Amino acid sequence: MEYLSRVADEMLRKRLGAFGAVLIEGPKWTGKTTTAEQHAKSVLKLQDPDNREEYLATAITMPSLLLKGESPRLIDEWQDAPMLWDAVRTAVDKAGGAPGQYILTGSNTVDKDKIYHTGTGRISRMKMYPMSLWESLDSTGEVSLSELFANPDYDINGAISKLDIPALIKVACRGGWPATLQLPIEASMMIAKDYVNSVCENDISAIDKKQRNPKIAKQILRSYARNISTVVKKTSILADVTASGDISISMNTFDDYVGALEKLFVIQDIDAWCPAIRSKTAIRSMPKRCFTDPSIAIAAMGVNADALESQLKTFGFIFEQMCVRDLKAYTLDFDSHISYYRDRYGLESDLVLHLGDGRYALIECKLGSREIEGGASHLIELRRLIREYNKNEKQVPLREPDLMVILTGGQMAYTRSDGVKVIPLACLKD
């Protein structure tokens, strides 16, 4: 299959130009190895069945021998021989810190007892996420997120999405897994289900070599999926997990399972943004429940595209997850993070996208056009509260939002008279 360029490609180029080695982290099946291979000049695959035993024996006795090869040298599944981490760090030091020597890919299943140095300053860490709609060629890319931040006069009017709601449902079910792009929808749904099964049956125990019950893991993922994109207490999720009577676990055990799923990049909750525009007791501070890809939630719930077409309220929550995934992919270079705002008065911003330099966007995710007016009123009111706060706190003012955006499942992009930008998710790119 032809390689489709990723936003991570440019980030990897930059890091290889600055650091001796780069570690690519992220969920499995996101194409980390394939992307790394586009930049590597030699490759060592530790899970090659013909050479695996020999490689592992060499790693134990003299790991530096495995590092020989043209640079950048890709070491895939390096966690199978964790002593290679310190070998790479040492090799970078011996080369005077010369950039672009090694690329490491693999999972988080690492025996950290065999690692003696953090690699700080020598090995740079970068994340890769499942493919965004732009990377999978489902977005037209007519609206650039970076240009939106950089240019106040950027004209988005008239950009058209090629995906209607049924098509968005299908790409959400398929997910951002590169292996699904050439498959029909029924087959791609099997990929997402297999991902969930693999995580629950194998990965959740392998992550730290601690045996966990697949049935409990599946039930936690199912309950998380039922509460996707919502601010729900852990106690409520635990009650849902144990409601059938078949499972009985403590809160400590629940936290242990969730922690393992976070290490595997399956669950990625979003923290609350708490600016000083309300009293602390008014602003919700619990995390919002999220997955790294919408297809995981759909597979965990056991629904399909046909069912979601008649459950658009449910798909609205899943659509927000697709927005989160794409925004993360588009801002890899920006040292960014995503939060949300909600208070007890009903005022909210589904997402707040923070860039590393302090700029930020207030974002509402609205599947249908009838919800746009309400979403825009929330964003305008949030900006008004920030301005009101700044009148009284002139010494330490809050930055006003650089962007106010409604990401939608609609067809056309436009800028409203109040400055809020309405953008179909399938028009967006980095």
Protein backbone atom coordinates (compact mmCIF):
# COMPACT_ATOMS: atom_id res chain seq x y z
CA MET A 1 0.00 0.00 0.00
CA GLU A 2 1.28 3.47 -0.88
CA TYR A 3 2.57 5.40 2.11
CA LEU A 4 0.34 8.31 3.12
CA SER A 5 2.23 11.24 4.61
CA ARG A 6 1.68 11.90 8.30
CA VAL A 7 1.85 15.12 10.29
CA ALA A 8 4.43 13.27 12.39
CA ASP A 9 6.82 13.09 9.40
CA GLU A 10 7.82 16.73 9.71
CA MET A 11 8.08 16.50 13.48
CA LEU A 12 10.38 13.49 13.18
CA ARG A 13 12.57 15.33 10.65
CA LYS A 14 12.95 18.27 13.01
CA ARG A 15 13.81 16.11 15.99
CA LEU A 16 16.33 14.06 14.04
CA GLY A 17 17.98 17.35 13.15
CA ALA A 18 18.30 18.30 16.82
CA PHE A 19 18.73 15.10 18.86
CA GLY A 20 20.96 12.06 18.67
CA ALA A 21 17.98 9.71 18.90
CA VAL A 22 14.19 9.92 18.73
CA LEU A 23 11.70 7.61 20.46
CA ILE A 24 8.28 7.42 18.79
CA GLU A 25 5.55 6.56 21.30
CA GLY A 26 1.81 6.10 20.99
CA PRO A 27 -0.96 3.54 20.60
CA LYS A 28 -0.14 0.35 18.77
CA TRP A 29 -1.25 -0.01 15.14
CA THR A 30 -0.87 3.72 14.45
CA GLY A 31 1.94 3.28 11.90
CA LYS A 32 4.90 4.27 14.08
CA THR A 33 7.26 1.76 12.44
CA THR A 34 6.09 2.55 8.90
CA THR A 35 6.62 6.27 9.44
CA ALA A 36 10.04 5.66 11.01
CA GLU A 37 11.06 3.53 8.01
CA GLN A 38 10.49 6.51 5.69
CA HIS A 39 13.32 8.34 7.51
CA ALA A 40 15.68 5.48 8.40
CA LYS A 41 18.67 4.36 6.31
CA SER A 42 19.08 1.05 8.12
CA VAL A 43 16.61 -1.04 10.11
CA LEU A 44 16.84 -3.60 12.92
CA LYS A 45 13.57 -5.42 13.66
CA LEU A 46 13.92 -7.27 16.94
CA GLN A 47 10.78 -9.33 16.31
CA ASP A 48 12.08 -10.76 13.03
CA PRO A 49 11.37 -14.49 13.64
CA ASP A 50 14.41 -15.64 11.65
CA ASN A 51 16.87 -13.61 13.73
CA ARG A 52 15.06 -12.81 16.97
CA GLU A 53 16.94 -15.24 19.24
CA GLU A 54 20.30 -14.18 17.84
CA TYR A 55 19.46 -10.49 18.27
CA LEU A 56 18.37 -10.98 21.87
CA ALA A 57 21.50 -12.96 22.72
CA THR A 58 23.65 -10.23 21.19
CA ALA A 59 21.75 -7.55 23.12
CA ILE A 60 22.58 -9.30 26.38
CA THR A 61 26.29 -9.78 25.69
CA MET A 62 27.22 -6.74 23.57
CA PRO A 63 24.29 -4.51 22.62
CA SER A 64 26.50 -2.01 20.79
CA LEU A 65 26.87 -4.54 17.94
CA LEU A 66 23.17 -4.14 17.11
CA LEU A 67 23.60 -0.40 16.68
CA LYS A 68 25.95 -0.73 13.71
CA GLY A 69 24.39 0.48 10.51
CA GLU A 70 23.83 3.58 8.43
CA SER A 71 22.22 6.48 10.29
CA PRO A 72 19.48 7.13 11.10
CA ARG A 73 19.23 3.50 12.25
CA LEU A 74 15.74 2.31 13.18
CA ILE A 75 15.49 -0.12 16.10
CA ASP A 76 11.95 -1.49 16.03
CA GLU A 77 10.36 -3.05 19.13
CA TRP A 78 13.39 -2.00 21.16
CA GLN A 79 11.54 -2.85 24.40
CA ASP A 80 12.24 -6.55 23.71
CA ALA A 81 15.88 -5.77 24.58
CA PRO A 82 15.62 -2.81 26.99
CA MET A 83 19.38 -2.67 27.50
CA LEU A 84 19.50 -1.11 24.02
CA TRP A 85 18.19 2.13 25.54
CA ASP A 86 21.40 2.74 27.48
CA ALA A 87 23.44 1.47 24.53
CA VAL A 88 21.84 4.12 22.30
CA ARG A 89 22.39 6.81 24.90
CA THR A 90 26.06 5.83 25.21
CA ALA A 91 26.52 5.72 21.43
CA VAL A 92 25.07 9.22 21.11
CA ASP A 93 27.50 10.48 23.76
CA LYS A 94 30.46 8.84 22.03
CA ALA A 95 29.49 10.55 18.79
CA GLY A 96 29.57 13.92 20.54
CA GLY A 97 25.80 14.22 20.54
CA ALA A 98 25.63 14.31 16.73
CA PRO A 99 21.94 14.47 15.70
CA GLY A 100 19.98 11.95 13.69
CA GLN A 101 21.67 8.71 14.70
CA TYR A 102 18.81 6.48 15.89
CA ILE A 103 15.04 6.06 15.82
CA LEU A 104 13.36 3.83 18.40
CA THR A 105 9.84 2.47 18.05
CA GLY A 106 7.84 0.08 20.17
CA SER A 107 5.31 -0.20 22.95
CA ASN A 108 5.29 0.86 26.57
CA THR A 109 5.82 -2.76 27.70
CA VAL A 110 9.33 -2.15 28.98
CA ASP A 111 11.27 -3.73 31.85
CA LYS A 112 12.49 -0.45 33.37
CA ASP A 113 14.79 -2.31 35.80
CA LYS A 114 17.15 -2.79 32.85
CA ILE A 115 17.30 0.94 32.04
CA TYR A 116 19.77 3.05 34.04
CA HIS A 117 19.48 6.47 32.41
CA THR A 118 16.52 8.59 31.34
CA GLY A 119 18.17 9.57 28.08
CA THR A 120 17.40 13.23 28.69
CA GLY A 121 19.18 15.43 26.18
CA ARG A 122 20.10 12.48 23.98
CA ILE A 123 16.80 10.73 23.23
CA SER A 124 13.81 12.90 22.35
CA ARG A 125 10.30 11.52 22.84
CA MET A 126 7.52 12.24 20.36
CA LYS A 127 3.98 10.89 20.14
CA MET A 128 2.04 9.56 17.20
CA TYR A 129 -1.72 9.24 17.22
CA PRO A 130 -4.13 7.37 14.92
CA MET A 131 -4.57 8.99 11.53
CA SER A 132 -6.58 12.19 11.29
CA LEU A 133 -9.17 12.68 8.54
CA TRP A 134 -6.62 14.79 6.64
CA GLU A 135 -3.98 12.05 6.81
CA SER A 136 -6.44 9.36 5.70
CA LEU A 137 -7.50 11.58 2.75
CA ASP A 138 -11.05 11.97 4.10
CA SER A 139 -10.66 15.70 4.80
CA THR A 140 -10.33 18.19 1.96
CA GLY A 141 -7.76 20.13 3.99
CA GLU A 142 -9.13 23.46 2.76
CA VAL A 143 -8.83 25.00 6.24
CA SER A 144 -5.42 25.03 7.94
CA LEU A 145 -5.38 25.07 11.75
CA SER A 146 -1.92 26.64 11.88
CA GLU A 147 -3.03 29.37 9.46
CA LEU A 148 -6.12 30.06 11.57
CA PHE A 149 -3.86 30.87 14.52
CA ALA A 150 -1.29 32.76 12.48
CA ASN A 151 -3.49 34.94 10.27
CA PRO A 152 -6.51 36.86 11.65
CA ASP A 153 -7.65 37.61 8.08
CA TYR A 154 -7.50 33.97 6.93
CA ASP A 155 -10.56 33.40 4.73
CA ILE A 156 -12.30 30.07 5.33
CA ASN A 157 -15.60 30.99 3.69
CA GLY A 158 -16.85 28.47 1.16
CA ALA A 159 -14.64 25.51 2.07
CA ILE A 160 -16.74 22.38 1.49
CA SER A 161 -16.65 19.01 3.24
CA LYS A 162 -17.09 15.90 1.13
CA LEU A 163 -18.43 13.84 4.07
CA ASP A 164 -22.06 13.87 5.14
CA ILE A 165 -23.18 12.45 8.50
CA PRO A 166 -23.45 8.80 7.32
CA ALA A 167 -19.95 9.06 5.85
CA LEU A 168 -18.60 10.56 9.08
CA ILE A 169 -20.13 7.67 11.00
CA LYS A 170 -18.36 5.21 8.73
CA VAL A 171 -14.93 6.81 9.11
CA ALA A 172 -15.46 6.97 12.88
CA CYS A 173 -16.26 3.25 12.95
CA ARG A 174 -13.21 2.53 10.81
CA GLY A 175 -10.97 4.68 13.01
CA GLY A 176 -7.56 6.13 12.24
CA TRP A 177 -5.74 2.79 11.90
CA PRO A 178 -3.65 2.73 8.70
CA ALA A 179 -4.40 -0.97 8.09
CA THR A 180 -8.13 -0.22 7.67
CA LEU A 181 -7.90 2.29 4.84
CA GLN A 182 -8.13 -0.23 2.03
CA LEU A 183 -10.84 -2.33 3.66
CA PRO A 184 -14.64 -2.20 3.29
CA ILE A 185 -16.51 -0.87 6.32
CA GLU A 186 -17.49 -4.34 7.61
CA ALA A 187 -13.87 -5.53 7.56
CA SER A 188 -12.55 -2.30 9.08
CA MET A 189 -14.98 -2.68 11.98
CA MET A 190 -13.38 -6.04 12.68
CA ILE A 191 -9.99 -4.31 13.03
CA ALA A 192 -11.29 -2.04 15.80
CA LYS A 193 -12.96 -4.97 17.59
CA ASP A 194 -9.76 -6.99 17.35
CA TYR A 195 -7.86 -4.01 18.77
CA VAL A 196 -10.11 -4.00 21.84
CA ASN A 197 -9.81 -7.77 22.25
CA SER A 198 -6.03 -7.64 21.91
CA VAL A 199 -5.76 -4.91 24.52
CA CYS A 200 -7.98 -6.76 26.99
CA GLU A 201 -6.66 -10.28 26.41
CA ASN A 202 -2.95 -9.53 26.14
CA ASP A 203 -1.66 -5.96 26.37
CA ILE A 204 -3.24 -4.97 29.67
CA SER A 205 -1.30 -7.74 31.42
CA ALA A 206 1.88 -7.43 29.34
CA ILE A 207 2.26 -3.69 30.00
CA ASP A 208 3.81 -4.33 33.42
CA LYS A 209 3.74 -8.15 33.60
CA LYS A 210 0.82 -8.04 36.04
CA GLN A 211 -1.99 -10.47 35.35
CA ARG A 212 -5.35 -8.77 34.84
CA ASN A 213 -8.78 -10.17 34.03
CA PRO A 214 -9.81 -9.57 30.37
CA LYS A 215 -13.48 -9.62 31.36
CA ILE A 216 -12.97 -6.74 33.80
CA ALA A 217 -10.93 -4.80 31.22
CA LYS A 218 -13.67 -5.18 28.60
CA GLN A 219 -16.36 -4.09 31.04
CA ILE A 220 -14.37 -0.98 32.01
CA LEU A 221 -13.91 -0.06 28.34
CA ARG A 222 -17.63 -0.63 27.71
CA SER A 223 -18.58 1.63 30.61
CA TYR A 224 -16.07 4.28 29.50
CA ALA A 225 -17.62 4.12 26.03
CA ARG A 226 -21.10 4.66 27.47
CA ASN A 227 -19.79 7.78 29.21
CA ILE A 228 -17.62 9.03 26.35
CA SER A 229 -17.07 12.81 26.18
CA THR A 230 -18.80 13.34 29.51
CA VAL A 231 -17.67 14.49 32.95
CA VAL A 232 -18.68 11.50 35.04
CA LYS A 233 -17.32 10.42 38.42
CA LYS A 234 -15.17 7.33 38.78
CA THR A 235 -17.65 6.00 41.30
CA SER A 236 -20.38 6.10 38.65
CA ILE A 237 -18.25 4.18 36.15
CA LEU A 238 -17.32 1.64 38.83
CA ALA A 239 -21.00 1.20 39.71
CA ASP A 240 -21.76 0.57 36.04
CA VAL A 241 -18.93 -1.98 35.78
CA THR A 242 -20.22 -3.95 38.78
CA ALA A 243 -23.97 -3.48 38.09
CA SER A 244 -24.48 -6.92 36.55
CA GLY A 245 -23.19 -8.69 39.65
CA ASP A 246 -20.71 -10.76 37.62
CA ILE A 247 -17.82 -8.45 38.51
CA SER A 248 -16.82 -7.22 41.94
CA ILE A 249 -13.78 -4.95 42.18
CA SER A 250 -12.56 -2.24 44.53
CA MET A 251 -11.79 1.34 43.56
CA ASN A 252 -8.07 0.56 43.88
CA THR A 253 -8.42 -2.29 41.38
CA PHE A 254 -10.45 -0.07 39.07
CA ASP A 255 -7.73 2.60 39.21
CA ASP A 256 -5.10 -0.05 38.46
CA TYR A 257 -6.91 -1.16 35.28
CA VAL A 258 -7.53 2.41 34.13
CA GLY A 259 -3.87 3.25 34.76
CA ALA A 260 -2.78 0.33 32.58
CA LEU A 261 -5.16 1.43 29.80
CA GLU A 262 -3.71 4.93 29.99
CA LYS A 263 -0.16 3.58 29.65
CA LEU A 264 -1.31 1.73 26.55
CA PHE A 265 -2.67 5.04 25.14
CA VAL A 266 -6.17 3.52 24.91
CA ILE A 267 -7.82 5.83 27.46
CA GLN A 268 -6.75 9.48 27.33
CA ASP A 269 -8.91 11.60 29.61
CA ILE A 270 -9.02 15.39 29.19
CA ASP A 271 -8.42 17.64 32.19
CA ALA A 272 -10.55 20.66 33.05
CA TRP A 273 -9.46 24.23 32.29
CA CYS A 274 -10.07 26.36 35.36
CA PRO A 275 -9.53 30.06 34.62
CA ALA A 276 -10.35 32.48 37.44
CA ILE A 277 -13.54 33.79 35.83
CA ARG A 278 -15.81 31.95 38.27
CA SER A 279 -15.45 30.81 41.84
CA LYS A 280 -13.53 27.58 42.20
CA THR A 281 -16.63 25.74 43.38
CA ALA A 282 -18.54 26.73 40.23
CA ILE A 283 -16.10 25.25 37.70
CA ARG A 284 -16.16 21.51 37.11
CA SER A 285 -12.72 20.00 37.66
CA MET A 286 -13.19 16.27 37.00
CA PRO A 287 -11.62 14.85 33.84
CA LYS A 288 -13.68 14.25 30.72
CA ARG A 289 -13.71 10.58 29.66
CA CYS A 290 -11.98 10.04 26.32
CA PHE A 291 -10.38 7.43 24.07
CA THR A 292 -7.44 7.82 21.73
CA ASP A 293 -9.65 6.94 18.75
CA PRO A 294 -13.45 6.95 18.30
CA SER A 295 -13.44 3.43 16.85
CA ILE A 296 -12.35 2.02 20.22
CA ALA A 297 -15.47 3.41 21.89
CA ILE A 298 -17.70 2.14 19.07
CA ALA A 299 -16.16 -1.34 19.23
CA ALA A 300 -16.38 -1.41 23.04
CA MET A 301 -20.09 -0.51 22.90
CA GLY A 302 -20.72 -3.24 20.33
CA VAL A 303 -22.58 -1.01 17.86
CA ASN A 304 -22.08 -0.52 14.13
CA ALA A 305 -22.55 2.20 11.52
CA ASP A 306 -26.18 1.31 10.83
CA ALA A 307 -27.08 1.50 14.51
CA LEU A 308 -25.36 4.86 14.94
CA GLU A 309 -27.33 6.40 12.08
CA SER A 310 -30.41 6.03 14.27
CA GLN A 311 -28.56 7.15 17.42
CA LEU A 312 -27.21 10.55 16.44
CA LYS A 313 -27.17 11.80 20.02
CA THR A 314 -24.71 9.02 20.85
CA PHE A 315 -22.72 9.74 17.71
CA GLY A 316 -22.48 13.38 18.75
CA PHE A 317 -20.32 12.29 21.70
CA ILE A 318 -18.25 10.06 19.43
CA PHE A 319 -17.85 12.92 16.95
CA GLU A 320 -16.25 14.97 19.72
CA GLN A 321 -13.69 12.18 20.16
CA MET A 322 -12.87 12.34 16.47
CA CYS A 323 -12.34 16.10 16.86
CA VAL A 324 -9.96 15.51 19.79
CA ARG A 325 -7.99 12.91 17.84
CA ASP A 326 -7.59 15.16 14.81
CA LEU A 327 -6.68 18.26 16.81
CA LYS A 328 -3.94 16.30 18.60
CA ALA A 329 -2.58 15.06 15.29
CA TYR A 330 -2.61 18.54 13.75
CA THR A 331 -0.77 20.20 16.65
CA LEU A 332 2.11 17.77 17.23
CA ASP A 333 4.54 20.57 16.41
CA PHE A 334 2.95 23.13 18.70
CA ASP A 335 3.76 21.65 22.14
CA SER A 336 0.02 21.72 22.67
CA HIS A 337 -2.52 20.17 24.99
CA ILE A 338 -6.31 19.96 25.12
CA SER A 339 -8.63 20.68 28.03
CA TYR A 340 -12.32 21.50 28.42
CA TYR A 341 -14.40 24.10 30.33
CA ARG A 342 -17.69 23.52 32.10
CA ASP A 343 -19.36 25.20 35.07
CA ARG A 344 -22.46 24.59 37.15
CA TYR A 345 -24.32 27.34 35.30
CA GLY A 346 -24.29 25.30 32.08
CA LEU A 347 -21.61 27.37 30.36
CA GLU A 348 -19.11 25.20 28.52
CA SER A 349 -16.49 24.88 25.84
CA ASP A 350 -16.26 21.27 24.70
CA LEU A 351 -12.53 21.67 24.07
CA VAL A 352 -9.85 24.23 24.75
CA LEU A 353 -6.81 23.83 22.50
CA HIS A 354 -3.71 25.34 24.16
CA LEU A 355 -0.53 25.97 22.15
CA GLY A 356 2.89 26.03 23.75
CA ASP A 357 3.27 29.81 23.33
CA GLY A 358 0.12 30.63 25.29
CA ARG A 359 -2.30 31.03 22.38
CA TYR A 360 -5.50 29.05 22.67
CA ALA A 361 -8.80 28.30 20.96
CA LEU A 362 -12.23 27.77 22.50
CA ILE A 363 -13.91 24.98 20.56
CA GLU A 364 -17.41 23.53 20.50
CA CYS A 365 -18.07 20.23 18.69
CA LYS A 366 -21.54 20.25 17.14
CA LEU A 367 -22.61 17.51 14.78
CA GLY A 368 -25.66 19.29 13.32
CA SER A 369 -26.35 22.85 12.16
CA ARG A 370 -29.21 23.35 14.65
CA GLU A 371 -26.71 23.22 17.52
CA ILE A 372 -24.39 25.89 16.13
CA GLU A 373 -26.21 28.90 17.57
CA GLY A 374 -26.11 27.52 21.10
CA GLY A 375 -22.45 26.57 20.76
CA ALA A 376 -21.53 30.04 19.52
CA SER A 377 -23.37 31.70 22.41
CA HIS A 378 -21.28 29.65 24.88
CA LEU A 379 -18.03 30.77 23.28
CA ILE A 380 -19.07 34.43 23.17
CA GLU A 381 -20.15 34.35 26.82
CA LEU A 382 -16.85 32.76 27.86
CA ARG A 383 -14.96 35.54 26.09
CA ARG A 384 -17.19 38.13 27.77
CA LEU A 385 -16.43 36.67 31.21
CA ILE A 386 -12.70 36.79 30.49
CA ARG A 387 -12.97 40.45 29.43
CA GLU A 388 -15.00 41.24 32.53
CA TYR A 389 -12.40 39.57 34.73
CA ASN A 390 -9.61 41.55 33.07
CA LYS A 391 -11.32 44.86 33.90
CA ASN A 392 -10.84 44.08 37.58
CA GLU A 393 -7.54 42.19 37.39
CA LYS A 394 -5.38 44.48 35.28
CA GLN A 395 -2.10 43.34 36.84
CA VAL A 396 -2.55 39.67 35.96
CA PRO A 397 -5.05 39.59 33.08
CA LEU A 398 -6.20 36.41 31.38
CA ARG A 399 -5.42 36.06 27.70
CA GLU A 400 -8.47 36.35 25.51
CA PRO A 401 -9.10 33.41 23.17
CA ASP A 402 -7.18 33.66 19.90
CA LEU A 403 -9.85 31.61 18.15
CA MET A 404 -13.45 30.65 18.73
CA VAL A 405 -14.36 27.65 16.62
CA ILE A 406 -17.30 25.33 16.13
CA LEU A 407 -16.21 22.03 14.59
CA THR A 408 -19.18 20.51 12.85
CA GLY A 409 -20.34 17.56 10.80
CA GLY A 410 -21.91 20.00 8.33
CA GLN A 411 -20.85 20.79 4.80
CA MET A 412 -19.59 24.39 4.59
CA ALA A 413 -17.08 26.55 6.48
CA TYR A 414 -17.83 30.19 7.24
CA THR A 415 -17.07 32.98 9.71
CA ARG A 416 -20.04 34.33 11.62
CA SER A 417 -20.59 38.05 12.21
CA ASP A 418 -19.59 37.56 15.88
CA GLY A 419 -16.20 36.16 14.82
CA VAL A 420 -16.95 32.51 15.60
CA LYS A 421 -15.60 30.25 12.85
CA VAL A 422 -17.78 27.31 11.82
CA ILE A 423 -15.60 24.60 10.28
CA PRO A 424 -16.55 21.10 9.11
CA LEU A 425 -14.09 18.66 10.68
CA ALA A 426 -13.63 17.11 7.23
CA CYS A 427 -12.28 20.43 5.89
CA LEU A 428 -9.52 20.75 8.48
CA LYS A 429 -5.78 20.01 8.29
CA ASP A 430 -2.66 20.89 10.30
